[in-house]
Amino acid sequence: MFHGRDESRDGADRVEEEPTPRVGAIILAAGGSTRFGSQKLLTPLPARGGQPMVQAVVDAALQAGLKPVILVVGSDAEEVRSAVAGRPITIVDNPRWREGMSTSLHAGLEHLEPHVSAALILLGDQPAITPALLRTLAAAYRDVGAPIVAPICRGRRGNPVLFDRRTFGELLRVVGDQGGRGVIASGRFPVHEVEVATDAILLDIDRPSDLRR
């Protein structure tokens, strides 16, 4: 009887699957909360059983399966660290936090391992962001492979925004009190917009009245 070659055992004939792109999170939590009047990231959230704001954002990133989760701290660093103690995250100190958000963005990017394909840039003062939303953005990136993936609600683009490693060089050139907005506006990279039903992407907490709203 003729026996054909078993191609399943021939390594040269196997097609290896592409690895799933790794998506991490960088949480910007270094600001001084000047307009809030105290460190807003430590503010208890009544709707979350008194959970500190920064803890809610960190937990959303962890529950979404983002890895690694990098938290960049600056003002009130020890107190913010204590609020997230015991969680499997990387905490990065930014001694230059007074120079603006860009310095925290740089600090976070510089701690991403080379195998991480993209990072969701989260703001520490957006406690209404959910794990489901973060998973949606990461899934859209894996589906389309766009350099930038941004959520949009009722025609308005919001945060967090996902940036692929192809954009990191430009992000590291951002200066002052801004994040990736200038890189998006430059038009150098295509932006894939994901329509979402929640306006949580448009809300951040600058003043106590924002928290009540």
N, C-alpha and C. Protein backbone atom coordinates (compact mmCIF):
# COMPACT_ATOMS: atom_id res chain seq x y z
N MET A 1 0.86 -1.19 0.00
CA MET A 1 0.00 0.00 0.00
C MET A 1 0.89 1.23 0.00
N PHE A 2 0.50 2.18 -0.79
CA PHE A 2 1.26 3.42 -0.86
C PHE A 2 0.88 4.33 0.30
N HIS A 3 1.90 4.82 0.98
CA HIS A 3 1.66 5.73 2.09
C HIS A 3 2.14 7.12 1.70
N GLY A 4 1.25 8.09 1.62
CA GLY A 4 1.64 9.45 1.30
C GLY A 4 2.34 10.10 2.48
N ARG A 5 3.04 11.20 2.21
CA ARG A 5 3.75 11.90 3.26
C ARG A 5 2.79 12.55 4.23
N ASP A 6 3.06 12.43 5.51
CA ASP A 6 2.23 13.08 6.53
C ASP A 6 2.73 14.52 6.68
N GLU A 7 2.07 15.46 5.95
CA GLU A 7 2.56 16.83 5.96
C GLU A 7 2.36 17.50 7.30
N SER A 8 1.46 16.94 8.12
CA SER A 8 1.25 17.55 9.43
C SER A 8 2.48 17.44 10.29
N ARG A 9 3.40 16.52 9.93
CA ARG A 9 4.61 16.35 10.72
C ARG A 9 5.81 17.01 10.08
N ASP A 10 5.61 17.60 8.97
CA ASP A 10 6.71 18.24 8.26
C ASP A 10 6.73 19.72 8.62
N GLY A 11 7.71 20.11 9.43
CA GLY A 11 7.77 21.49 9.91
C GLY A 11 7.82 22.50 8.80
N ALA A 12 8.41 22.10 7.64
CA ALA A 12 8.54 23.06 6.55
C ALA A 12 7.20 23.37 5.93
N ASP A 13 6.21 22.44 6.11
CA ASP A 13 4.92 22.65 5.49
C ASP A 13 3.91 23.28 6.43
N ARG A 14 4.27 23.44 7.68
CA ARG A 14 3.34 24.04 8.63
C ARG A 14 3.33 25.56 8.48
N VAL A 15 2.18 26.14 8.58
CA VAL A 15 2.05 27.60 8.56
C VAL A 15 1.83 28.06 9.99
N GLU A 16 2.79 28.77 10.52
CA GLU A 16 2.68 29.22 11.91
C GLU A 16 1.74 30.41 11.99
N GLU A 17 0.91 30.40 13.02
CA GLU A 17 -0.02 31.50 13.21
C GLU A 17 0.71 32.74 13.71
N GLU A 18 0.25 33.88 13.25
CA GLU A 18 0.81 35.13 13.73
C GLU A 18 0.42 35.33 15.20
N PRO A 19 1.34 35.76 16.04
CA PRO A 19 0.98 36.00 17.43
C PRO A 19 -0.01 37.16 17.55
N THR A 20 -0.88 37.07 18.54
CA THR A 20 -1.83 38.15 18.77
C THR A 20 -1.08 39.38 19.26
N PRO A 21 -1.29 40.54 18.63
CA PRO A 21 -0.57 41.74 19.07
C PRO A 21 -0.86 42.05 20.53
N ARG A 22 0.19 42.32 21.29
CA ARG A 22 0.06 42.64 22.71
C ARG A 22 -0.29 44.13 22.86
N VAL A 23 -1.33 44.40 23.61
CA VAL A 23 -1.75 45.77 23.88
C VAL A 23 -1.59 46.05 25.37
N GLY A 24 -0.82 47.07 25.69
CA GLY A 24 -0.64 47.49 27.07
C GLY A 24 -1.43 48.75 27.37
N ALA A 25 -1.26 49.23 28.59
CA ALA A 25 -1.93 50.47 29.02
C ALA A 25 -0.92 51.36 29.71
N ILE A 26 -0.99 52.64 29.40
CA ILE A 26 -0.22 53.66 30.11
C ILE A 26 -1.23 54.62 30.73
N ILE A 27 -1.25 54.68 32.05
CA ILE A 27 -2.20 55.54 32.77
C ILE A 27 -1.45 56.77 33.26
N LEU A 28 -1.87 57.93 32.79
CA LEU A 28 -1.23 59.19 33.15
C LEU A 28 -1.85 59.70 34.44
N ALA A 29 -1.07 59.65 35.53
CA ALA A 29 -1.61 59.98 36.85
C ALA A 29 -0.61 60.79 37.66
N ALA A 30 0.04 61.75 37.01
CA ALA A 30 1.12 62.49 37.67
C ALA A 30 0.75 63.93 38.01
N GLY A 31 -0.38 64.42 37.55
CA GLY A 31 -0.70 65.84 37.71
C GLY A 31 -0.99 66.26 39.14
N GLY A 32 -0.97 67.56 39.34
CA GLY A 32 -1.15 68.13 40.68
C GLY A 32 -2.58 68.46 41.05
N SER A 33 -3.53 68.27 40.14
CA SER A 33 -4.96 68.50 40.42
C SER A 33 -5.22 69.91 40.94
N THR A 34 -4.60 70.89 40.32
CA THR A 34 -4.70 72.27 40.79
C THR A 34 -6.15 72.76 40.82
N ARG A 35 -6.90 72.50 39.76
CA ARG A 35 -8.27 73.01 39.68
C ARG A 35 -9.21 72.27 40.63
N PHE A 36 -8.86 71.05 41.00
CA PHE A 36 -9.72 70.28 41.90
C PHE A 36 -9.58 70.74 43.35
N GLY A 37 -8.39 71.23 43.70
CA GLY A 37 -8.16 71.72 45.06
C GLY A 37 -7.48 70.74 45.97
N SER A 38 -7.42 69.47 45.56
CA SER A 38 -6.69 68.43 46.28
C SER A 38 -6.39 67.34 45.26
N GLN A 39 -5.66 66.31 45.67
CA GLN A 39 -5.30 65.26 44.71
C GLN A 39 -6.54 64.46 44.34
N LYS A 40 -7.08 64.77 43.15
CA LYS A 40 -8.36 64.17 42.74
C LYS A 40 -8.27 62.66 42.56
N LEU A 41 -7.10 62.15 42.23
CA LEU A 41 -6.97 60.72 41.99
C LEU A 41 -7.21 59.89 43.24
N LEU A 42 -7.14 60.53 44.41
CA LEU A 42 -7.38 59.83 45.67
C LEU A 42 -8.81 60.00 46.15
N THR A 43 -9.61 60.76 45.41
CA THR A 43 -10.98 61.05 45.81
C THR A 43 -11.83 59.78 45.80
N PRO A 44 -12.55 59.49 46.89
CA PRO A 44 -13.43 58.31 46.92
C PRO A 44 -14.61 58.50 45.96
N LEU A 45 -14.98 57.44 45.29
CA LEU A 45 -16.11 57.47 44.37
C LEU A 45 -17.32 56.83 45.04
N PRO A 46 -18.35 57.61 45.38
CA PRO A 46 -19.53 57.04 46.05
C PRO A 46 -20.16 55.91 45.26
N ALA A 47 -20.19 56.04 43.93
CA ALA A 47 -20.81 55.01 43.10
C ALA A 47 -20.01 53.72 43.07
N ARG A 48 -18.76 53.77 43.55
CA ARG A 48 -17.89 52.59 43.58
C ARG A 48 -17.58 52.17 45.01
N GLY A 49 -18.46 52.49 45.94
CA GLY A 49 -18.24 52.08 47.31
C GLY A 49 -17.09 52.78 47.98
N GLY A 50 -16.77 54.00 47.53
CA GLY A 50 -15.67 54.74 48.12
C GLY A 50 -14.31 54.42 47.54
N GLN A 51 -14.28 53.68 46.44
CA GLN A 51 -13.01 53.34 45.80
C GLN A 51 -12.32 54.60 45.29
N PRO A 52 -11.00 54.77 45.53
CA PRO A 52 -10.29 55.93 45.00
C PRO A 52 -10.33 55.96 43.47
N MET A 53 -10.37 57.15 42.93
CA MET A 53 -10.50 57.30 41.48
C MET A 53 -9.41 56.55 40.72
N VAL A 54 -8.16 56.71 41.12
CA VAL A 54 -7.06 56.08 40.38
C VAL A 54 -7.18 54.56 40.44
N GLN A 55 -7.68 54.05 41.53
CA GLN A 55 -7.85 52.61 41.67
C GLN A 55 -8.87 52.09 40.66
N ALA A 56 -9.94 52.86 40.45
CA ALA A 56 -10.97 52.47 39.49
C ALA A 56 -10.40 52.38 38.08
N VAL A 57 -9.55 53.33 37.70
CA VAL A 57 -8.97 53.33 36.36
C VAL A 57 -8.00 52.17 36.20
N VAL A 58 -7.16 51.95 37.21
CA VAL A 58 -6.21 50.83 37.15
C VAL A 58 -6.96 49.50 37.05
N ASP A 59 -8.00 49.33 37.84
CA ASP A 59 -8.75 48.08 37.82
C ASP A 59 -9.43 47.85 36.47
N ALA A 60 -9.91 48.91 35.85
CA ALA A 60 -10.52 48.76 34.52
C ALA A 60 -9.51 48.23 33.51
N ALA A 61 -8.28 48.76 33.56
CA ALA A 61 -7.24 48.30 32.63
C ALA A 61 -6.87 46.85 32.89
N LEU A 62 -6.76 46.48 34.15
CA LEU A 62 -6.42 45.09 34.49
C LEU A 62 -7.54 44.14 34.08
N GLN A 63 -8.77 44.51 34.36
CA GLN A 63 -9.90 43.64 34.03
C GLN A 63 -10.10 43.50 32.52
N ALA A 64 -9.60 44.49 31.77
CA ALA A 64 -9.70 44.42 30.30
C ALA A 64 -8.65 43.49 29.71
N GLY A 65 -7.71 43.02 30.53
CA GLY A 65 -6.68 42.13 30.05
C GLY A 65 -5.51 42.83 29.38
N LEU A 66 -5.38 44.14 29.58
CA LEU A 66 -4.24 44.87 29.01
C LEU A 66 -2.98 44.50 29.79
N LYS A 67 -1.87 44.37 29.05
CA LYS A 67 -0.64 43.95 29.71
C LYS A 67 0.56 44.43 28.93
N PRO A 68 1.46 45.14 29.57
CA PRO A 68 1.44 45.53 30.98
C PRO A 68 0.53 46.74 31.22
N VAL A 69 0.25 46.98 32.48
CA VAL A 69 -0.42 48.21 32.90
C VAL A 69 0.62 49.06 33.61
N ILE A 70 0.91 50.22 33.02
CA ILE A 70 1.92 51.13 33.55
C ILE A 70 1.22 52.37 34.10
N LEU A 71 1.48 52.68 35.36
CA LEU A 71 0.92 53.86 36.01
C LEU A 71 2.03 54.86 36.22
N VAL A 72 1.89 56.05 35.64
CA VAL A 72 2.90 57.09 35.78
C VAL A 72 2.45 58.07 36.85
N VAL A 73 3.27 58.21 37.90
CA VAL A 73 2.93 59.06 39.04
C VAL A 73 3.92 60.22 39.15
N GLY A 74 3.48 61.26 39.83
CA GLY A 74 4.34 62.44 40.02
C GLY A 74 3.97 63.15 41.29
N SER A 75 2.99 64.05 41.21
CA SER A 75 2.49 64.74 42.40
C SER A 75 1.85 63.73 43.35
N ASP A 76 2.14 63.90 44.66
CA ASP A 76 1.57 63.00 45.68
C ASP A 76 1.84 61.54 45.34
N ALA A 77 3.04 61.26 44.87
CA ALA A 77 3.37 59.94 44.34
C ALA A 77 3.16 58.83 45.36
N GLU A 78 3.60 59.04 46.60
CA GLU A 78 3.50 57.97 47.58
C GLU A 78 2.05 57.64 47.91
N GLU A 79 1.23 58.67 48.00
CA GLU A 79 -0.19 58.43 48.29
C GLU A 79 -0.88 57.69 47.14
N VAL A 80 -0.54 58.08 45.92
CA VAL A 80 -1.14 57.41 44.76
C VAL A 80 -0.66 55.96 44.69
N ARG A 81 0.61 55.74 44.97
CA ARG A 81 1.14 54.37 45.01
C ARG A 81 0.35 53.53 46.02
N SER A 82 0.13 54.09 47.18
CA SER A 82 -0.55 53.36 48.24
C SER A 82 -1.97 52.97 47.83
N ALA A 83 -2.60 53.84 47.03
CA ALA A 83 -3.99 53.59 46.62
C ALA A 83 -4.11 52.38 45.71
N VAL A 84 -3.02 52.00 45.05
CA VAL A 84 -3.08 50.86 44.11
C VAL A 84 -2.16 49.73 44.57
N ALA A 85 -1.78 49.75 45.83
CA ALA A 85 -0.85 48.74 46.35
C ALA A 85 -1.40 47.33 46.15
N GLY A 86 -0.51 46.42 45.81
CA GLY A 86 -0.89 45.02 45.65
C GLY A 86 -1.37 44.64 44.28
N ARG A 87 -1.55 45.60 43.39
CA ARG A 87 -2.02 45.28 42.05
C ARG A 87 -0.83 44.99 41.13
N PRO A 88 -1.01 44.06 40.17
CA PRO A 88 0.10 43.66 39.29
C PRO A 88 0.36 44.67 38.18
N ILE A 89 0.89 45.81 38.56
CA ILE A 89 1.15 46.88 37.61
C ILE A 89 2.58 47.38 37.78
N THR A 90 3.04 48.13 36.80
CA THR A 90 4.34 48.80 36.87
C THR A 90 4.10 50.27 37.18
N ILE A 91 4.72 50.76 38.25
CA ILE A 91 4.57 52.17 38.62
C ILE A 91 5.86 52.91 38.27
N VAL A 92 5.72 53.98 37.51
CA VAL A 92 6.86 54.75 37.03
C VAL A 92 6.79 56.16 37.61
N ASP A 93 7.87 56.59 38.23
CA ASP A 93 7.93 57.95 38.77
C ASP A 93 8.33 58.92 37.67
N ASN A 94 7.63 60.05 37.61
CA ASN A 94 7.97 61.11 36.67
C ASN A 94 8.34 62.37 37.46
N PRO A 95 9.63 62.57 37.73
CA PRO A 95 10.03 63.75 38.49
C PRO A 95 9.82 65.06 37.73
N ARG A 96 9.54 64.98 36.43
CA ARG A 96 9.36 66.18 35.61
C ARG A 96 7.89 66.49 35.37
N TRP A 97 7.00 65.97 36.21
CA TRP A 97 5.57 66.09 35.95
C TRP A 97 5.11 67.53 35.82
N ARG A 98 5.78 68.47 36.49
CA ARG A 98 5.37 69.88 36.40
C ARG A 98 5.56 70.46 35.00
N GLU A 99 6.35 69.80 34.17
CA GLU A 99 6.59 70.29 32.81
C GLU A 99 5.48 69.90 31.84
N GLY A 100 4.50 69.15 32.30
CA GLY A 100 3.35 68.85 31.46
C GLY A 100 3.15 67.37 31.19
N MET A 101 1.98 67.09 30.64
CA MET A 101 1.56 65.71 30.39
C MET A 101 2.52 64.95 29.49
N SER A 102 3.16 65.64 28.56
CA SER A 102 4.04 64.94 27.62
C SER A 102 5.15 64.20 28.35
N THR A 103 5.63 64.72 29.47
CA THR A 103 6.72 64.05 30.19
C THR A 103 6.25 62.72 30.79
N SER A 104 4.99 62.67 31.21
CA SER A 104 4.44 61.41 31.72
C SER A 104 4.24 60.41 30.59
N LEU A 105 3.79 60.90 29.46
CA LEU A 105 3.63 60.04 28.29
C LEU A 105 4.97 59.41 27.91
N HIS A 106 6.02 60.23 27.88
CA HIS A 106 7.34 59.72 27.54
C HIS A 106 7.81 58.68 28.55
N ALA A 107 7.60 58.97 29.84
CA ALA A 107 8.04 58.05 30.88
C ALA A 107 7.36 56.69 30.73
N GLY A 108 6.07 56.71 30.41
CA GLY A 108 5.36 55.45 30.22
C GLY A 108 5.84 54.68 29.00
N LEU A 109 6.00 55.38 27.89
CA LEU A 109 6.45 54.72 26.66
C LEU A 109 7.82 54.09 26.83
N GLU A 110 8.68 54.76 27.56
CA GLU A 110 10.05 54.26 27.74
C GLU A 110 10.11 53.00 28.59
N HIS A 111 9.02 52.67 29.27
CA HIS A 111 8.99 51.46 30.08
C HIS A 111 8.20 50.32 29.42
N LEU A 112 7.80 50.51 28.18
CA LEU A 112 7.12 49.43 27.45
C LEU A 112 8.15 48.48 26.86
N GLU A 113 7.96 47.19 27.09
CA GLU A 113 8.87 46.20 26.52
C GLU A 113 8.72 46.17 24.99
N PRO A 114 9.79 45.77 24.28
CA PRO A 114 9.75 45.77 22.80
C PRO A 114 8.65 44.89 22.21
N HIS A 115 8.23 43.85 22.93
CA HIS A 115 7.23 42.95 22.35
C HIS A 115 5.81 43.50 22.45
N VAL A 116 5.62 44.63 23.11
CA VAL A 116 4.28 45.24 23.20
C VAL A 116 4.03 46.02 21.91
N SER A 117 2.96 45.66 21.22
CA SER A 117 2.69 46.24 19.90
C SER A 117 2.05 47.62 19.95
N ALA A 118 1.23 47.86 21.00
CA ALA A 118 0.48 49.11 21.07
C ALA A 118 0.15 49.42 22.53
N ALA A 119 -0.21 50.67 22.78
CA ALA A 119 -0.57 51.07 24.13
C ALA A 119 -1.82 51.94 24.10
N LEU A 120 -2.74 51.63 24.98
CA LEU A 120 -3.88 52.51 25.23
C LEU A 120 -3.44 53.56 26.23
N ILE A 121 -3.58 54.82 25.89
CA ILE A 121 -3.19 55.91 26.77
C ILE A 121 -4.43 56.35 27.54
N LEU A 122 -4.45 56.05 28.84
CA LEU A 122 -5.59 56.38 29.69
C LEU A 122 -5.27 57.57 30.57
N LEU A 123 -6.30 58.34 30.87
CA LEU A 123 -6.18 59.45 31.81
C LEU A 123 -6.62 58.96 33.19
N GLY A 124 -5.85 59.29 34.21
CA GLY A 124 -6.16 58.83 35.55
C GLY A 124 -7.44 59.40 36.12
N ASP A 125 -7.99 60.43 35.47
CA ASP A 125 -9.20 61.07 35.99
C ASP A 125 -10.43 60.76 35.14
N GLN A 126 -10.46 59.57 34.55
CA GLN A 126 -11.64 59.12 33.80
C GLN A 126 -12.18 57.82 34.42
N PRO A 127 -12.75 57.90 35.62
CA PRO A 127 -13.17 56.69 36.32
C PRO A 127 -14.37 55.99 35.71
N ALA A 128 -15.06 56.63 34.76
CA ALA A 128 -16.23 55.99 34.14
C ALA A 128 -15.86 55.07 32.98
N ILE A 129 -14.58 55.03 32.61
CA ILE A 129 -14.14 54.14 31.54
C ILE A 129 -14.25 52.69 32.02
N THR A 130 -14.82 51.83 31.20
CA THR A 130 -15.08 50.45 31.61
C THR A 130 -14.12 49.47 30.94
N PRO A 131 -13.95 48.30 31.54
CA PRO A 131 -13.15 47.26 30.88
C PRO A 131 -13.70 46.89 29.51
N ALA A 132 -15.02 46.87 29.35
CA ALA A 132 -15.62 46.51 28.07
C ALA A 132 -15.20 47.49 26.97
N LEU A 133 -15.16 48.77 27.30
CA LEU A 133 -14.74 49.77 26.32
C LEU A 133 -13.29 49.55 25.92
N LEU A 134 -12.43 49.30 26.90
CA LEU A 134 -11.02 49.08 26.61
C LEU A 134 -10.83 47.83 25.75
N ARG A 135 -11.58 46.78 26.05
CA ARG A 135 -11.49 45.56 25.23
C ARG A 135 -11.96 45.83 23.81
N THR A 136 -12.98 46.66 23.65
CA THR A 136 -13.49 47.00 22.31
C THR A 136 -12.42 47.69 21.48
N LEU A 137 -11.71 48.64 22.08
CA LEU A 137 -10.67 49.38 21.36
C LEU A 137 -9.50 48.45 21.01
N ALA A 138 -9.11 47.59 21.95
CA ALA A 138 -8.01 46.66 21.68
C ALA A 138 -8.40 45.68 20.57
N ALA A 139 -9.66 45.20 20.59
CA ALA A 139 -10.12 44.27 19.56
C ALA A 139 -10.15 44.94 18.18
N ALA A 140 -10.56 46.21 18.14
CA ALA A 140 -10.59 46.93 16.87
C ALA A 140 -9.18 47.06 16.30
N TYR A 141 -8.22 47.32 17.17
CA TYR A 141 -6.83 47.42 16.73
C TYR A 141 -6.35 46.10 16.15
N ARG A 142 -6.65 45.01 16.83
CA ARG A 142 -6.21 43.70 16.35
C ARG A 142 -6.90 43.33 15.04
N ASP A 143 -8.11 43.83 14.84
CA ASP A 143 -8.84 43.52 13.60
C ASP A 143 -8.31 44.31 12.41
N VAL A 144 -8.06 45.61 12.62
CA VAL A 144 -7.73 46.47 11.48
C VAL A 144 -6.26 46.86 11.40
N GLY A 145 -5.55 46.78 12.53
CA GLY A 145 -4.12 47.10 12.52
C GLY A 145 -3.79 48.55 12.26
N ALA A 146 -4.72 49.45 12.52
CA ALA A 146 -4.46 50.88 12.28
C ALA A 146 -3.44 51.42 13.27
N PRO A 147 -2.65 52.42 12.87
CA PRO A 147 -1.67 53.00 13.79
C PRO A 147 -2.30 53.69 15.00
N ILE A 148 -3.51 54.23 14.82
CA ILE A 148 -4.21 54.92 15.90
C ILE A 148 -5.66 54.45 15.89
N VAL A 149 -6.17 54.11 17.07
CA VAL A 149 -7.58 53.73 17.22
C VAL A 149 -8.19 54.62 18.29
N ALA A 150 -9.26 55.33 17.93
CA ALA A 150 -9.86 56.30 18.85
C ALA A 150 -11.36 56.07 18.95
N PRO A 151 -11.91 56.23 20.15
CA PRO A 151 -13.37 56.12 20.30
C PRO A 151 -14.06 57.42 19.91
N ILE A 152 -15.28 57.29 19.42
CA ILE A 152 -16.04 58.48 19.05
C ILE A 152 -17.48 58.28 19.51
N CYS A 153 -18.07 59.35 20.05
CA CYS A 153 -19.45 59.30 20.53
C CYS A 153 -20.17 60.56 20.05
N ARG A 154 -21.25 60.37 19.33
CA ARG A 154 -22.03 61.49 18.79
C ARG A 154 -21.15 62.48 18.02
N GLY A 155 -20.24 61.93 17.26
CA GLY A 155 -19.39 62.76 16.41
C GLY A 155 -18.20 63.39 17.10
N ARG A 156 -18.01 63.12 18.39
CA ARG A 156 -16.90 63.71 19.14
C ARG A 156 -15.91 62.63 19.53
N ARG A 157 -14.65 62.89 19.26
CA ARG A 157 -13.59 61.94 19.60
C ARG A 157 -13.20 62.13 21.05
N GLY A 158 -12.93 61.03 21.73
CA GLY A 158 -12.60 61.11 23.14
C GLY A 158 -11.40 60.27 23.52
N ASN A 159 -11.28 59.98 24.80
CA ASN A 159 -10.19 59.19 25.36
C ASN A 159 -10.76 57.96 26.06
N PRO A 160 -9.97 56.89 26.15
CA PRO A 160 -8.56 56.75 25.79
C PRO A 160 -8.36 56.47 24.29
N VAL A 161 -7.13 56.70 23.84
CA VAL A 161 -6.77 56.46 22.45
C VAL A 161 -5.65 55.42 22.42
N LEU A 162 -5.72 54.52 21.46
CA LEU A 162 -4.69 53.50 21.29
C LEU A 162 -3.69 53.94 20.23
N PHE A 163 -2.41 53.79 20.56
CA PHE A 163 -1.33 54.13 19.63
C PHE A 163 -0.47 52.90 19.39
N ASP A 164 -0.29 52.58 18.11
CA ASP A 164 0.58 51.49 17.71
C ASP A 164 2.05 51.93 17.83
N ARG A 165 2.95 50.96 17.95
CA ARG A 165 4.37 51.27 18.10
C ARG A 165 4.92 52.12 16.95
N ARG A 166 4.29 52.07 15.79
CA ARG A 166 4.75 52.91 14.67
C ARG A 166 4.67 54.39 14.99
N THR A 167 3.83 54.76 15.95
CA THR A 167 3.65 56.18 16.28
C THR A 167 4.54 56.63 17.45
N PHE A 168 5.22 55.68 18.10
CA PHE A 168 5.91 56.02 19.34
C PHE A 168 6.99 57.09 19.15
N GLY A 169 7.68 57.04 18.02
CA GLY A 169 8.72 58.04 17.76
C GLY A 169 8.15 59.45 17.78
N GLU A 170 6.98 59.63 17.15
CA GLU A 170 6.34 60.93 17.13
C GLU A 170 5.85 61.32 18.53
N LEU A 171 5.30 60.35 19.26
CA LEU A 171 4.82 60.65 20.61
C LEU A 171 5.96 61.10 21.52
N LEU A 172 7.15 60.53 21.31
CA LEU A 172 8.29 60.91 22.13
C LEU A 172 8.82 62.30 21.80
N ARG A 173 8.34 62.87 20.70
CA ARG A 173 8.73 64.23 20.35
C ARG A 173 7.72 65.28 20.80
N VAL A 174 6.61 64.83 21.38
CA VAL A 174 5.61 65.76 21.89
C VAL A 174 6.18 66.48 23.11
N VAL A 175 5.92 67.78 23.22
CA VAL A 175 6.42 68.55 24.35
C VAL A 175 5.25 69.31 25.00
N GLY A 176 5.49 69.74 26.24
CA GLY A 176 4.51 70.57 26.93
C GLY A 176 3.38 69.78 27.54
N ASP A 177 2.27 70.46 27.77
CA ASP A 177 1.14 69.86 28.47
C ASP A 177 0.15 69.27 27.48
N GLN A 178 0.59 68.30 26.73
CA GLN A 178 -0.30 67.61 25.80
C GLN A 178 0.13 66.16 25.67
N GLY A 179 -0.80 65.33 25.24
CA GLY A 179 -0.50 63.93 25.00
C GLY A 179 -0.37 63.65 23.52
N GLY A 180 -1.23 62.79 22.99
CA GLY A 180 -1.11 62.41 21.59
C GLY A 180 -1.95 63.22 20.64
N ARG A 181 -2.62 64.26 21.13
CA ARG A 181 -3.53 65.02 20.27
C ARG A 181 -2.82 65.59 19.04
N GLY A 182 -1.62 66.12 19.24
CA GLY A 182 -0.89 66.69 18.11
C GLY A 182 -0.50 65.66 17.08
N VAL A 183 -0.17 64.47 17.53
CA VAL A 183 0.19 63.39 16.60
C VAL A 183 -1.02 62.99 15.78
N ILE A 184 -2.19 62.95 16.40
CA ILE A 184 -3.42 62.65 15.66
C ILE A 184 -3.70 63.76 14.65
N ALA A 185 -3.59 65.01 15.09
CA ALA A 185 -3.92 66.15 14.23
C ALA A 185 -2.94 66.30 13.06
N SER A 186 -1.74 65.77 13.19
CA SER A 186 -0.74 65.93 12.14
C SER A 186 -1.14 65.24 10.85
N GLY A 187 -2.01 64.23 10.93
CA GLY A 187 -2.43 63.51 9.74
C GLY A 187 -1.40 62.54 9.20
N ARG A 188 -0.32 62.34 9.92
CA ARG A 188 0.73 61.44 9.44
C ARG A 188 0.34 59.97 9.57
N PHE A 189 -0.63 59.70 10.44
CA PHE A 189 -1.03 58.31 10.67
C PHE A 189 -2.55 58.19 10.50
N PRO A 190 -3.01 57.16 9.81
CA PRO A 190 -4.44 56.93 9.71
C PRO A 190 -5.05 56.68 11.10
N VAL A 191 -6.25 57.19 11.30
CA VAL A 191 -6.95 57.01 12.56
C VAL A 191 -8.21 56.18 12.29
N HIS A 192 -8.32 55.07 12.98
CA HIS A 192 -9.53 54.25 12.90
C HIS A 192 -10.44 54.63 14.06
N GLU A 193 -11.63 55.13 13.74
CA GLU A 193 -12.55 55.56 14.78
C GLU A 193 -13.56 54.45 15.09
N VAL A 194 -13.80 54.26 16.38
CA VAL A 194 -14.74 53.24 16.84
C VAL A 194 -15.92 53.94 17.49
N GLU A 195 -17.09 53.79 16.92
CA GLU A 195 -18.30 54.40 17.48
C GLU A 195 -18.69 53.66 18.75
N VAL A 196 -18.85 54.42 19.84
CA VAL A 196 -19.26 53.83 21.11
C VAL A 196 -20.52 54.54 21.61
N ALA A 197 -21.25 53.85 22.47
CA ALA A 197 -22.53 54.39 22.92
C ALA A 197 -22.42 55.18 24.20
N THR A 198 -21.25 55.22 24.82
CA THR A 198 -21.10 55.89 26.10
C THR A 198 -20.33 57.19 25.97
N ASP A 199 -20.84 58.23 26.67
CA ASP A 199 -20.11 59.50 26.66
C ASP A 199 -19.03 59.54 27.74
N ALA A 200 -18.74 58.40 28.36
CA ALA A 200 -17.65 58.34 29.34
C ALA A 200 -16.32 58.75 28.71
N ILE A 201 -16.20 58.55 27.40
CA ILE A 201 -14.96 58.90 26.72
C ILE A 201 -14.75 60.40 26.65
N LEU A 202 -15.81 61.17 26.88
CA LEU A 202 -15.75 62.63 26.79
C LEU A 202 -15.62 63.29 28.15
N LEU A 203 -15.69 62.49 29.22
CA LEU A 203 -15.75 63.04 30.57
C LEU A 203 -14.46 62.79 31.32
N ASP A 204 -13.88 63.85 31.87
CA ASP A 204 -12.80 63.70 32.83
C ASP A 204 -13.11 64.60 34.01
N ILE A 205 -12.39 64.41 35.09
CA ILE A 205 -12.69 65.10 36.33
C ILE A 205 -11.65 66.18 36.57
N ASP A 206 -12.04 67.44 36.41
CA ASP A 206 -11.14 68.56 36.69
C ASP A 206 -11.51 69.29 37.96
N ARG A 207 -12.82 69.33 38.26
CA ARG A 207 -13.32 70.06 39.43
C ARG A 207 -14.29 69.17 40.20
N PRO A 208 -14.53 69.47 41.48
CA PRO A 208 -15.51 68.67 42.24
C PRO A 208 -16.88 68.60 41.57
N SER A 209 -17.27 69.67 40.88
CA SER A 209 -18.57 69.65 40.20
C SER A 209 -18.62 68.61 39.10
N ASP A 210 -17.48 68.32 38.46
CA ASP A 210 -17.44 67.27 37.45
C ASP A 210 -17.74 65.92 38.06
N LEU A 211 -17.22 65.70 39.25
CA LEU A 211 -17.43 64.42 39.92
C LEU A 211 -18.89 64.23 40.29
N ARG A 212 -19.54 65.31 40.73
CA ARG A 212 -20.97 65.23 41.08
C ARG A 212 -21.80 64.93 39.85
N ARG A 213 -21.39 65.52 38.70
CA ARG A 213 -22.13 65.28 37.46
C ARG A 213 -22.01 63.83 37.03
